[in-house]
C-alpha atoms as a PDB file:
ATOM      1  CA  MET A   1       7.201  -4.794 -16.960  1.00  0.00           C
ATOM      2  CA  GLU A   2      10.084  -3.013 -15.247  1.00  0.00           C
ATOM      3  CA  TYR A   3       9.851  -2.838 -11.478  1.00  0.00           C
ATOM      4  CA  SER A   4      11.211   0.090  -9.481  1.00  0.00           C
ATOM      5  CA  THR A   5      11.659   0.417  -5.750  1.00  0.00           C
ATOM      6  CA  ALA A   6       9.093   2.948  -4.573  1.00  0.00           C
ATOM      7  CA  ALA A   7      10.895   3.243  -1.261  1.00  0.00           C
ATOM      8  CA  ARG A   8      13.446   5.452  -3.011  1.00  0.00           C
ATOM      9  CA  LEU A   9      10.686   7.942  -3.760  1.00  0.00           C
ATOM     10  CA  HIS A  10       9.636   8.506  -0.172  1.00  0.00           C
ATOM     11  CA  SER A  11      12.565   7.469   2.014  1.00  0.00           C
ATOM     12  CA  THR A  12      12.810  11.022   3.373  1.00  0.00           C
ATOM     13  CA  VAL A  13       9.210  12.204   3.110  1.00  0.00           C
ATOM     14  CA  THR A  14       8.987  13.162   6.781  1.00  0.00           C
ATOM     15  CA  GLN A  15      11.601  15.889   6.309  1.00  0.00           C
ATOM     16  CA  PHE A  16       9.079  17.905   4.264  1.00  0.00           C
ATOM     17  CA  LYS A  17       6.331  19.820   6.078  1.00  0.00           C
ATOM     18  CA  VAL A  18       4.031  20.091   3.047  1.00  0.00           C
ATOM     19  CA  TYR A  19       3.731  18.630  -0.463  1.00  0.00           C
ATOM     20  CA  GLY A  20       4.990  21.855  -2.041  1.00  0.00           C
ATOM     21  CA  ASP A  21       8.280  21.536  -0.148  1.00  0.00           C
ATOM     22  CA  TYR A  22       8.618  17.980  -1.479  1.00  0.00           C
ATOM     23  CA  LEU A  23       8.113  19.196  -5.057  1.00  0.00           C
ATOM     24  CA  ASP A  24      10.596  22.036  -4.517  1.00  0.00           C
ATOM     25  CA  SER A  25      13.245  19.454  -3.642  1.00  0.00           C
ATOM     26  CA  LYS A  26      12.825  18.038  -7.142  1.00  0.00           C
ATOM     27  CA  VAL A  27      13.053  21.396  -8.919  1.00  0.00           C
ATOM     28  CA  THR A  28      16.489  22.107 -10.402  1.00  0.00           C
ATOM     29  CA  PRO A  29      18.193  25.481 -10.952  1.00  0.00           C
ATOM     30  CA  VAL A  30      17.936  24.817 -14.692  1.00  0.00           C
ATOM     31  CA  ASP A  31      14.145  24.463 -14.375  1.00  0.00           C
ATOM     32  CA  LEU A  32      13.896  27.829 -12.638  1.00  0.00           C
ATOM     33  CA  PHE A  33      16.250  29.495 -15.120  1.00  0.00           C
ATOM     34  CA  TYR A  34      14.176  28.523 -18.165  1.00  0.00           C
ATOM     35  CA  LEU A  35      10.672  28.564 -16.684  1.00  0.00           C
ATOM     36  CA  LYS A  36      11.053  31.739 -14.596  1.00  0.00           C
ATOM     37  CA  SER A  37       8.277  30.418 -12.340  1.00  0.00           C
ATOM     38  CA  ARG A  38       8.565  28.149  -9.301  1.00  0.00           C
ATOM     39  CA  GLU A  39       4.869  27.262  -9.488  1.00  0.00           C
ATOM     40  CA  LEU A  40       5.189  26.135 -13.109  1.00  0.00           C
ATOM     41  CA  ALA A  41       8.331  24.181 -12.230  1.00  0.00           C
ATOM     42  CA  ARG A  42       6.413  22.470  -9.424  1.00  0.00           C
ATOM     43  CA  ARG A  43       3.610  21.471 -11.793  1.00  0.00           C
ATOM     44  CA  LEU A  44       6.058  19.996 -14.294  1.00  0.00           C
ATOM     45  CA  VAL A  45       7.764  18.016 -11.524  1.00  0.00           C
ATOM     46  CA  GLU A  46       4.409  16.764 -10.235  1.00  0.00           C
ATOM     47  CA  HIS A  47       3.595  15.448 -13.704  1.00  0.00           C
ATOM     48  CA  GLY A  48       6.855  13.546 -13.972  1.00  0.00           C
ATOM     49  CA  HIS A  49       9.064  16.064 -15.766  1.00  0.00           C
ATOM     50  CA  ASN A  50      12.028  15.186 -13.521  1.00  0.00           C
ATOM     51  CA  GLY A  51      11.236  11.496 -13.096  1.00  0.00           C
ATOM     52  CA  THR A  52       8.602   9.630 -11.146  1.00  0.00           C
ATOM     53  CA  VAL A  53       7.395  11.426  -8.012  1.00  0.00           C
ATOM     54  CA  LEU A  54       4.732  10.730  -5.438  1.00  0.00           C
ATOM     55  CA  SER A  55       1.289  12.189  -6.059  1.00  0.00           C
ATOM     56  CA  ARG A  56      -0.143  14.517  -3.421  1.00  0.00           C
ATOM     57  CA  GLU A  57      -2.307  11.713  -2.007  1.00  0.00           C
ATOM     58  CA  GLU A  58       0.611   9.263  -1.953  1.00  0.00           C
ATOM     59  CA  PHE A  59       2.784  11.884  -0.234  1.00  0.00           C
ATOM     60  CA  GLU A  60       0.207  12.459   2.518  1.00  0.00           C
ATOM     61  CA  GLU A  61      -0.401   8.734   3.023  1.00  0.00           C
ATOM     62  CA  THR A  62       3.311   7.935   3.075  1.00  0.00           C
ATOM     63  CA  LYS A  63       4.075  10.728   5.536  1.00  0.00           C
ATOM     64  CA  ALA A  64       1.237   9.604   7.826  1.00  0.00           C
ATOM     65  CA  ALA A  65       2.446   5.998   7.614  1.00  0.00           C
ATOM     66  CA  GLU A  66       6.038   6.950   8.472  1.00  0.00           C
ATOM     67  CA  GLN A  67       4.894   9.095  11.396  1.00  0.00           C
ATOM     68  CA  ALA A  68       2.662   6.285  12.690  1.00  0.00           C
ATOM     69  CA  ALA A  69       5.502   3.790  12.361  1.00  0.00           C
ATOM     70  CA  GLU A  70       7.855   6.100  14.267  1.00  0.00           C
ATOM     71  CA  ALA A  71       5.254   6.611  17.000  1.00  0.00           C
ATOM     72  CA  ALA A  72       4.807   2.836  17.266  1.00  0.00           C
ATOM     73  CA  LYS A  73       8.576   2.404  17.689  1.00  0.00           C
ATOM     74  CA  ILE A  74       8.597   4.958  20.499  1.00  0.00           C
ATOM     75  CA  ASP A  75       5.651   3.253  22.214  1.00  0.00           C
ATOM     76  CA  THR A  76       7.446  -0.086  21.977  1.00  0.00           C
ATOM     77  CA  LEU A  77      10.662   1.419  23.291  1.00  0.00           C
ATOM     78  CA  TYR A  78       8.936   2.793  26.383  1.00  0.00           C
ATOM     79  CA  GLY A  79       6.636  -0.193  26.819  1.00  0.00           C
ATOM     80  CA  ARG A  80       3.474   1.762  26.130  1.00  0.00           C
ATOM     81  CA  SER A  81       0.520  -0.230  24.835  1.00  0.00           C
ATOM     82  CA  GLY A  82      -3.231  -0.094  24.981  1.00  0.00           C
ATOM     83  CA  PRO A  83      -6.289  -2.096  23.976  1.00  0.00           C
ATOM     84  CA  THR A  84      -6.677  -2.654  20.253  1.00  0.00           C
ATOM     85  CA  THR A  85      -9.649  -0.797  18.824  1.00  0.00           C
ATOM     86  CA  LEU A  86     -11.026  -2.223  15.603  1.00  0.00           C
ATOM     87  CA  ALA A  87     -11.666   0.386  12.913  1.00  0.00           C
ATOM     88  CA  SER A  88     -14.573  -1.718  11.636  1.00  0.00           C
ATOM     89  CA  ALA A  89     -16.324  -1.861  15.012  1.00  0.00           C
ATOM     90  CA  GLY A  90     -19.869  -0.513  14.899  1.00  0.00           C
ATOM     91  CA  LYS A  91     -19.811   0.119  11.160  1.00  0.00           C
ATOM     92  CA  GLU A  92     -22.729  -0.881   8.930  1.00  0.00           C
ATOM     93  CA  LEU A  93     -20.920  -2.658   6.107  1.00  0.00           C
ATOM     94  CA  LYS A  94     -22.902  -3.465   2.985  1.00  0.00           C
ATOM     95  CA  ASP A  95     -20.218  -4.327   0.441  1.00  0.00           C
ATOM     96  CA  ASN A  96     -18.710  -7.821   0.448  1.00  0.00           C
ATOM     97  CA  PHE A  97     -15.184  -6.426   0.237  1.00  0.00           C
ATOM     98  CA  LEU A  98     -15.503  -4.286   3.368  1.00  0.00           C
ATOM     99  CA  LYS A  99     -17.196  -7.153   5.200  1.00  0.00           C
ATOM    100  CA  ALA A 100     -14.281  -9.416   4.293  1.00  0.00           C
ATOM    101  CA  LEU A 101     -11.772  -6.845   5.570  1.00  0.00           C
ATOM    102  CA  ALA A 102     -13.707  -6.491   8.822  1.00  0.00           C
ATOM    103  CA  GLU A 103     -13.722 -10.266   9.324  1.00  0.00           C
ATOM    104  CA  ARG A 104      -9.923 -10.289   9.026  1.00  0.00           C
ATOM    105  CA  GLU A 105      -9.076  -7.090  10.877  1.00  0.00           C
ATOM    106  CA  GLU A 106      -8.478  -8.523  14.363  1.00  0.00           C
ATOM    107  CA  ALA A 107      -6.395 -11.459  13.084  1.00  0.00           C
ATOM    108  CA  ASN A 108      -4.205  -9.162  10.979  1.00  0.00           C
ATOM    109  CA  ARG A 109      -3.741  -6.680  13.818  1.00  0.00           C
ATOM    110  CA  SER A 110      -2.790  -9.421  16.279  1.00  0.00           C
ATOM    111  CA  GLY A 111      -0.370 -11.164  13.910  1.00  0.00           C
ATOM    112  CA  LYS A 112      -2.286 -14.439  13.711  1.00  0.00           C
ATOM    113  CA  MET A 113      -2.876 -13.801  10.009  1.00  0.00           C
ATOM    114  CA  THR A 114      -1.229 -11.800   7.241  1.00  0.00           C
ATOM    115  CA  SER A 115      -3.493 -11.001   4.289  1.00  0.00           C
ATOM    116  CA  ALA A 116      -2.457  -9.784   0.853  1.00  0.00           C
ATOM    117  CA  ILE A 117      -5.217  -7.846  -0.912  1.00  0.00           C
ATOM    118  CA  PHE A 118      -5.350  -7.693  -4.710  1.00  0.00           C
ATOM    119  CA  ILE A 119      -7.312  -4.790  -6.187  1.00  0.00           C
ATOM    120  CA  ARG A 120      -7.912  -3.773  -9.800  1.00  0.00           C
ATOM    121  CA  ASP A 121      -9.878  -0.605 -10.442  1.00  0.00           C
ATOM    122  CA  HIS A 122      -9.661   2.962 -11.755  1.00  0.00           C
ATOM    123  CA  ASN A 123      -7.854   5.695  -9.835  1.00  0.00           C
ATOM    124  CA  PRO A 124      -9.253   9.250  -9.469  1.00  0.00           C
ATOM    125  CA  LEU A 125      -7.723  10.134 -12.864  1.00  0.00           C
ATOM    126  CA  GLY A 126      -9.676   7.341 -14.560  1.00  0.00           C
ATOM    127  CA  GLN A 127      -6.544   5.239 -15.107  1.00  0.00           C
ATOM    128  CA  GLU A 128      -6.766   1.496 -14.548  1.00  0.00           C
ATOM    129  CA  VAL A 129      -4.414   0.389 -11.779  1.00  0.00           C
ATOM    130  CA  SER A 130      -3.841  -2.879  -9.965  1.00  0.00           C
ATOM    131  CA  GLY A 131      -1.709  -4.073  -7.101  1.00  0.00           C
ATOM    132  CA  TYR A 132      -1.238  -6.059  -3.929  1.00  0.00           C
ATOM    133  CA  ILE A 133      -1.556  -4.560  -0.438  1.00  0.00           C
ATOM    134  CA  ASP A 134      -0.126  -5.943   2.801  1.00  0.00           C
ATOM    135  CA  TYR A 135      -3.287  -5.569   4.903  1.00  0.00           C
ATOM    136  CA  ALA A 136      -1.603  -6.065   8.300  1.00  0.00           C
ATOM    137  CA  HIS A 137       1.032  -3.451   7.497  1.00  0.00           C
ATOM    138  CA  ARG A 138      -1.527  -0.933   6.238  1.00  0.00           C
ATOM    139  CA  LEU A 139      -3.597  -1.430   9.409  1.00  0.00           C
ATOM    140  CA  LYS A 140      -0.569  -0.505  11.508  1.00  0.00           C
ATOM    141  CA  THR A 141       0.363   2.544   9.484  1.00  0.00           C
ATOM    142  CA  GLN A 142      -3.017   3.974   8.441  1.00  0.00           C
ATOM    143  CA  ASP A 143      -6.348   4.878   9.994  1.00  0.00           C
ATOM    144  CA  PHE A 144      -8.880   2.487   8.433  1.00  0.00           C
ATOM    145  CA  GLU A 145     -11.953   4.190   9.863  1.00  0.00           C
ATOM    146  CA  PRO A 146     -12.432   6.290   6.680  1.00  0.00           C
ATOM    147  CA  TYR A 147     -12.320   3.101   4.574  1.00  0.00           C
ATOM    148  CA  PHE A 148     -14.860   1.225   6.677  1.00  0.00           C
ATOM    149  CA  SER A 149     -17.140   4.265   6.909  1.00  0.00           C
ATOM    150  CA  GLY A 150     -17.096   4.744   3.121  1.00  0.00           C
ATOM    151  CA  LYS A 151     -15.377   8.143   3.229  1.00  0.00           C
ATOM    152  CA  LYS A 152     -12.324   6.804   1.438  1.00  0.00           C
ATOM    153  CA  LYS A 153     -11.618   3.993  -1.025  1.00  0.00           C
ATOM    154  CA  LEU A 154      -8.763   1.571  -0.410  1.00  0.00           C
ATOM    155  CA  MET A 155      -6.474   1.516  -3.446  1.00  0.00           C
ATOM    156  CA  PRO A 156      -2.982   0.132  -4.166  1.00  0.00           C
ATOM    157  CA  GLY A 157      -0.167   2.654  -4.414  1.00  0.00           C
ATOM    158  CA  ARG A 158       3.497   2.733  -5.334  1.00  0.00           C
ATOM    159  CA  SER A 159       4.526   2.022  -1.736  1.00  0.00           C
ATOM    160  CA  ASP A 160       2.573  -1.253  -1.557  1.00  0.00           C
ATOM    161  CA  LEU A 161       3.770  -4.804  -2.284  1.00  0.00           C
ATOM    162  CA  CYS A 162       3.123  -4.423  -6.009  1.00  0.00           C
ATOM    163  CA  TYR A 163       1.609  -1.678  -8.131  1.00  0.00           C
ATOM    164  CA  TYR A 164       0.992  -1.180 -11.837  1.00  0.00           C
ATOM    165  CA  ASN A 165      -0.673   1.658 -13.746  1.00  0.00           C
ATOM    166  CA  TRP A 166      -1.932   0.268 -17.044  1.00  0.00           C
ATOM    167  CA  ARG A 167      -2.159   3.721 -18.653  1.00  0.00           C
ATOM    168  CA  THR A 168       1.248   5.123 -17.717  1.00  0.00           C
ATOM    169  CA  GLN A 169       2.960   1.720 -17.285  1.00  0.00           C
ATOM    170  CA  VAL A 170       4.472   2.939 -14.000  1.00  0.00           C
ATOM    171  CA  SER A 171       5.224  -0.038 -11.772  1.00  0.00           C
ATOM    172  CA  ALA A 172       6.655  -0.645  -8.321  1.00  0.00           C
ATOM    173  CA  SER A 173       7.556  -3.568  -6.106  1.00  0.00           C
ATOM    174  CA  ASN A 174       8.310  -3.318  -2.380  1.00  0.00           C
ATOM    175  CA  SER A 175       8.816  -5.907   0.307  1.00  0.00           C
ATOM    176  CA  SER A 176       6.931  -5.149   3.539  1.00  0.00           C
ATOM    177  CA  PRO A 177       7.435  -6.085   7.206  1.00  0.00           C
ATOM    178  CA  ASN A 178       5.390  -9.238   6.547  1.00  0.00           C
ATOM    179  CA  PHE A 179       6.159 -10.262   2.971  1.00  0.00           C
ATOM    180  CA  GLU A 180       9.179 -10.493   0.712  1.00  0.00           C
ATOM    181  CA  VAL A 181       8.223  -9.955  -2.936  1.00  0.00           C
ATOM    182  CA  ILE A 182       9.612 -12.525  -5.384  1.00  0.00           C
ATOM    183  CA  TYR A 183       8.793 -11.451  -8.932  1.00  0.00           C
ATOM    184  CA  ASP A 184      11.550 -13.162 -10.934  1.00  0.00           C
ATOM    185  CA  ASP A 185      10.539 -16.752 -10.120  1.00  0.00           C
ATOM    186  CA  PRO A 186       9.665 -19.048 -13.086  1.00  0.00           C
ATOM    187  CA  ASN A 187       6.329 -19.729 -11.368  1.00  0.00           C
ATOM    188  CA  GLY A 188       5.397 -16.064 -11.451  1.00  0.00           C
ATOM    189  CA  LEU A 189       4.793 -13.533  -8.690  1.00  0.00           C
ATOM    190  CA  LEU A 190       5.246 -14.957  -5.185  1.00  0.00           C
ATOM    191  CA  PHE A 191       5.168 -13.535  -1.661  1.00  0.00           C
ATOM    192  CA  LYS A 192       7.363 -15.090   1.028  1.00  0.00           C
ATOM    193  CA  ASN A 193       6.116 -14.679   4.575  1.00  0.00           C
ATOM    194  CA  LYS A 194       8.953 -13.288   6.668  1.00  0.00           C
ATOM    195  CA  ARG A 195       7.889 -15.016   9.885  1.00  0.00           C
ATOM    196  CA  ASP A 196       7.415 -18.653   8.862  1.00  0.00           C
ATOM    197  CA  LYS A 197       9.140 -18.453   5.422  1.00  0.00           C
ATOM    198  CA  LYS A 198       6.121 -20.030   3.697  1.00  0.00           C
ATOM    199  CA  ILE A 199       5.382 -19.056   0.086  1.00  0.00           C
ATOM    200  CA  LEU A 200       2.107 -17.407  -0.918  1.00  0.00           C
ATOM    201  CA  ASN A 201       1.321 -18.041  -4.591  1.00  0.00           C
ATOM    202  CA  VAL A 202      -1.061 -15.509  -6.151  1.00  0.00           C
ATOM    203  CA  ASP A 203      -1.359 -17.310  -9.499  1.00  0.00           C
ATOM    204  CA  PRO A 204      -5.123 -17.987  -9.896  1.00  0.00           C
ATOM    205  CA  LEU A 205      -4.333 -21.254 -11.714  1.00  0.00           C
ATOM    206  CA  SER A 206      -2.229 -22.572  -8.813  1.00  0.00           C
ATOM    207  CA  GLY A 207      -2.913 -23.337  -5.173  1.00  0.00           C
ATOM    208  CA  PRO A 208      -2.170 -20.408  -2.810  1.00  0.00           C
ATOM    209  CA  GLY A 209       0.315 -22.454  -0.785  1.00  0.00           C
ATOM    210  CA  GLU A 210       0.609 -24.068   2.634  1.00  0.00           C
ATOM    211  CA  ASP A 211      -1.471 -22.458   5.406  1.00  0.00           C
ATOM    212  CA  SER A 212      -2.952 -20.038   2.853  1.00  0.00           C
ATOM    213  CA  ASN A 213      -6.374 -19.446   1.335  1.00  0.00           C
ATOM    214  CA  ARG A 214      -7.664 -17.448  -1.617  1.00  0.00           C
ATOM    215  CA  THR A 215     -11.023 -15.641  -1.582  1.00  0.00           C
ATOM    216  CA  PHE A 216     -12.508 -14.094  -4.734  1.00  0.00           C
ATOM    217  CA  LEU A 217     -14.947 -11.301  -3.871  1.00  0.00           C
ATOM    218  CA  GLN A 218     -17.917  -9.883  -5.735  1.00  0.00           C
ATOM    219  CA  SER A 219     -17.752  -6.194  -4.904  1.00  0.00           C
ATOM    220  CA  ASP A 220     -19.604  -3.095  -6.042  1.00  0.00           C
ATOM    221  CA  LEU A 221     -16.520  -1.036  -5.198  1.00  0.00           C
ATOM    222  CA  TYR A 222     -13.937  -2.647  -7.498  1.00  0.00           C
ATOM    223  CA  ILE A 223     -13.573  -4.265 -10.891  1.00  0.00           C
ATOM    224  CA  HIS A 224     -11.660  -7.148  -9.331  1.00  0.00           C
ATOM    225  CA  ALA A 225     -10.845  -7.937  -5.699  1.00  0.00           C
ATOM    226  CA  VAL A 226      -9.148 -10.984  -4.172  1.00  0.00           C
ATOM    227  CA  ILE A 227      -7.869 -11.606  -0.647  1.00  0.00           C
ATOM    228  CA  TYR A 228      -5.064 -14.071   0.062  1.00  0.00           C
ATOM    229  CA  ASP A 229      -4.925 -15.093   3.733  1.00  0.00           C
ATOM    230  CA  HIS A 230      -1.847 -16.663   5.271  1.00  0.00           C
ATOM    231  CA  ASN A 231      -2.266 -18.162   8.739  1.00  0.00           C
ATOM    232  CA  VAL A 232       1.008 -17.610  10.551  1.00  0.00           C
ATOM    233  CA  ARG A 233       2.402 -20.498  12.574  1.00  0.00           C
ATOM    234  CA  THR A 234       4.022 -19.393  15.797  1.00  0.00           C
ATOM    235  CA  VAL A 235       5.916 -22.673  16.345  1.00  0.00           C
END
């Protein structure tokens, strides 16, 4: 499996107002010369004609995440803060997976815990995908109310810790604010917590590591779901 850095795909996403502008940036003069149609050129780019590009959903999520991160930086700069509102508050959660996320939401928002979520399921195109999500980072960069209310389904993407599409064999690996991805270790895939430097081992045949726990979940939403919790030591 060859890993690519998804950050290269969306490092300048915020410069584009809409998805069409993003696709236009990938269209070459040669494409327009031979195709004679910008719309056709866009469709070919979207389907990977000029290399791997973000899907429309990934573009929107990435842009929203970057805008939220920039807003958070500004709030920090000017000392603005407010009470933390839990996205799971008041929600009637029936699935074990959503209940597990709700139980961990406050700890991940406050920094007492950093959870890595493994998901394997089918994307909207029917392709089997799997990957690891930095829950604390996603909470800071996305609105989780649609996930907890059932309007949207949490899925791994190319901007997450790890991602693999079993149909197209597209893969990605990205370190996050909380975890450094180590995928060339003889022991397999590892995540190193950036605050206390402890190793989180996601190998199901090995222990998860010091100050970490592994929870396998029976869920009606996913083929396979596991949550790895790392309790962060502050001293």
